[in-house]
Structures are given as structure tokens and as C-alpha cells.
Amino acid sequence: MQPSSRVAPALLSLASLGLALAGPAAAAELPATTAAVLAGGCVNCHGPDGRAQGAIPPIGGLDEGYLRARLLAFRDGRDAPGSVMTRLMKGHDTDQIEALAKWFARGGTR
């Protein structure tokens, strides 16, 4: 292997390490497209704009702080421990939950 062919993988590894150490972006920095992708799993039950009909509670247009608190409570196991929401929210960090709360507070829009 030539020395130059070893440099690129090493630089890529260092760059990846730097991104991992930097942590997730602040919620305010997450683009709307990221929030829309994150919300993709939610719309299966709550509908594209969060205004589900029937047994699933609607979440679109609810207060952002309320949504954030509920989603964090689900993630941390403080709310409805047997619910599918507890398992789903365990996959999201705080910034992602913040982005979801903003997204659905605005009715599933930017």
C-alpha cells in the first residue's frame, strides 16, 4: 500500500471521530427536512399533520412545551411505561425530541 493511499482512510477516521465528539446539533440548528424525516415514524399513527382521528391522540398544533415534556417523559420511562411511545422515544436524543415537538406544534410544517 502506498503512503498516500493510507492517508485518506486515516483522515476519514479522524473526521468521523471529530463529528462523533461534537455531538448532535442543537435543535434550533436541525433543518426542517430533518424534523420531517424524524416525524415519519410518528405519522404512521398520528397522521401527516399530527391530527389523528379515533383512538390515537392528535398531537398536531399542541403546545410545543407540552409536547416536549410528554416526549421526554416517554423516553425516560416516566409516562405510560407499557406504551409503544416509550419504546419509540428511546431512539431519540433530546435535540431530536425538541425538533419533533416544534414540528408537530406547527401542525407538521416548518
Protein backbone atom coordinates (compact mmCIF):
# COMPACT_ATOMS: atom_id res chain seq x y z
CA MET A 1 0.00 0.00 0.00
CA GLN A 2 1.40 3.39 -0.95
CA PRO A 3 1.73 6.03 1.78
CA SER A 4 -0.79 8.32 0.04
CA SER A 5 -3.37 5.53 -0.02
CA ARG A 6 -3.14 5.28 3.78
CA VAL A 7 -3.68 8.99 4.34
CA ALA A 8 -7.28 9.20 3.09
CA PRO A 9 -8.65 6.45 5.38
CA ALA A 10 -6.79 7.96 8.34
CA LEU A 11 -8.20 11.41 7.62
CA LEU A 12 -11.69 9.99 7.22
CA SER A 13 -11.37 8.23 10.57
CA LEU A 14 -10.23 11.43 12.26
CA ALA A 15 -13.07 13.40 10.68
CA SER A 16 -15.60 10.81 11.84
CA LEU A 17 -14.19 10.94 15.35
CA GLY A 18 -14.49 14.72 15.35
CA LEU A 19 -18.13 14.53 14.31
CA ALA A 20 -18.86 11.95 16.98
CA LEU A 21 -17.20 14.03 19.68
CA ALA A 22 -19.02 17.17 18.58
CA GLY A 23 -22.36 15.56 19.48
CA PRO A 24 -25.73 16.21 17.88
CA ALA A 25 -26.62 19.60 16.51
CA ALA A 26 -28.70 21.89 18.69
CA ALA A 27 -32.43 21.61 17.97
CA ALA A 28 -32.51 25.12 16.55
CA GLU A 29 -29.90 24.02 14.01
CA LEU A 30 -31.75 20.93 12.81
CA PRO A 31 -33.19 21.68 9.37
CA ALA A 32 -36.91 21.28 8.79
CA THR A 33 -36.17 18.36 6.48
CA THR A 34 -34.53 16.54 9.39
CA ALA A 35 -37.61 17.13 11.55
CA ALA A 36 -39.81 15.89 8.71
CA VAL A 37 -37.75 12.70 8.44
CA LEU A 38 -37.87 12.18 12.21
CA ALA A 39 -41.64 12.71 12.14
CA GLY A 40 -42.01 9.96 9.53
CA GLY A 41 -42.37 7.33 12.22
CA CYS A 42 -44.97 9.41 14.06
CA VAL A 43 -47.25 9.95 11.08
CA ASN A 44 -47.99 6.23 10.82
CA CYS A 45 -50.26 6.59 13.84
CA HIS A 46 -50.77 10.33 14.36
CA GLY A 47 -51.24 11.32 10.70
CA PRO A 48 -49.07 13.55 8.47
CA ASP A 49 -50.09 16.74 10.23
CA GLY A 50 -50.46 15.10 13.64
CA ARG A 51 -54.25 15.35 13.59
CA ALA A 52 -55.20 11.71 14.01
CA GLN A 53 -58.83 10.63 14.15
CA GLY A 54 -60.09 7.99 16.54
CA ALA A 55 -58.21 6.20 19.30
CA ILE A 56 -54.78 7.71 18.57
CA PRO A 57 -54.44 11.12 20.24
CA PRO A 58 -53.92 14.05 17.90
CA ILE A 59 -50.64 15.91 18.51
CA GLY A 60 -50.62 18.48 15.70
CA GLY A 61 -50.96 22.05 16.94
CA LEU A 62 -50.43 21.21 20.62
CA ASP A 63 -48.20 23.46 22.71
CA GLU A 64 -44.51 22.85 21.95
CA GLY A 65 -43.52 22.77 25.63
CA TYR A 66 -46.24 20.27 26.41
CA LEU A 67 -45.21 18.03 23.52
CA ARG A 68 -41.54 18.23 24.52
CA ALA A 69 -42.34 17.33 28.13
CA ARG A 70 -44.50 14.36 27.10
CA LEU A 71 -41.98 13.02 24.60
CA LEU A 72 -39.16 13.31 27.13
CA ALA A 73 -41.32 11.60 29.75
CA PHE A 74 -41.98 8.74 27.33
CA ARG A 75 -38.27 8.45 26.54
CA ASP A 76 -37.28 8.48 30.20
CA GLY A 77 -39.95 5.93 31.17
CA ARG A 78 -41.91 8.41 33.32
CA ASP A 79 -45.09 8.22 31.24
CA ALA A 80 -47.05 5.14 30.13
CA PRO A 81 -44.22 2.63 30.57
CA GLY A 82 -46.10 -0.06 28.64
CA SER A 83 -46.81 2.22 25.70
CA VAL A 84 -45.21 1.89 22.30
CA MET A 85 -44.29 5.57 22.70
CA THR A 86 -41.81 4.70 25.45
CA ARG A 87 -40.01 2.31 23.14
CA LEU A 88 -40.11 4.71 20.18
CA MET A 89 -38.79 7.72 22.07
CA LYS A 90 -35.82 5.77 23.48
CA GLY A 91 -34.36 6.04 19.97
CA HIS A 92 -34.31 9.86 20.03
CA ASP A 93 -31.92 12.26 21.73
CA THR A 94 -33.08 15.49 23.36
CA ASP A 95 -32.38 17.61 20.27
CA GLN A 96 -34.41 15.29 18.08
CA ILE A 97 -37.29 15.37 20.55
CA GLU A 98 -37.11 19.17 20.54
CA ALA A 99 -37.32 19.14 16.74
CA LEU A 100 -40.32 16.80 16.83
CA ALA A 101 -42.10 18.99 19.39
CA LYS A 102 -41.57 22.04 17.17
CA TRP A 103 -42.65 20.18 14.06
CA PHE A 104 -45.95 18.96 15.48
CA ALA A 105 -46.66 22.19 17.40
CA ARG A 106 -46.62 23.88 14.00
CA GLY A 107 -49.03 21.27 12.64
CA GLY A 108 -46.43 19.19 10.78
CA THR A 109 -44.89 22.06 8.89
CA ARG A 110 -41.71 24.09 9.01
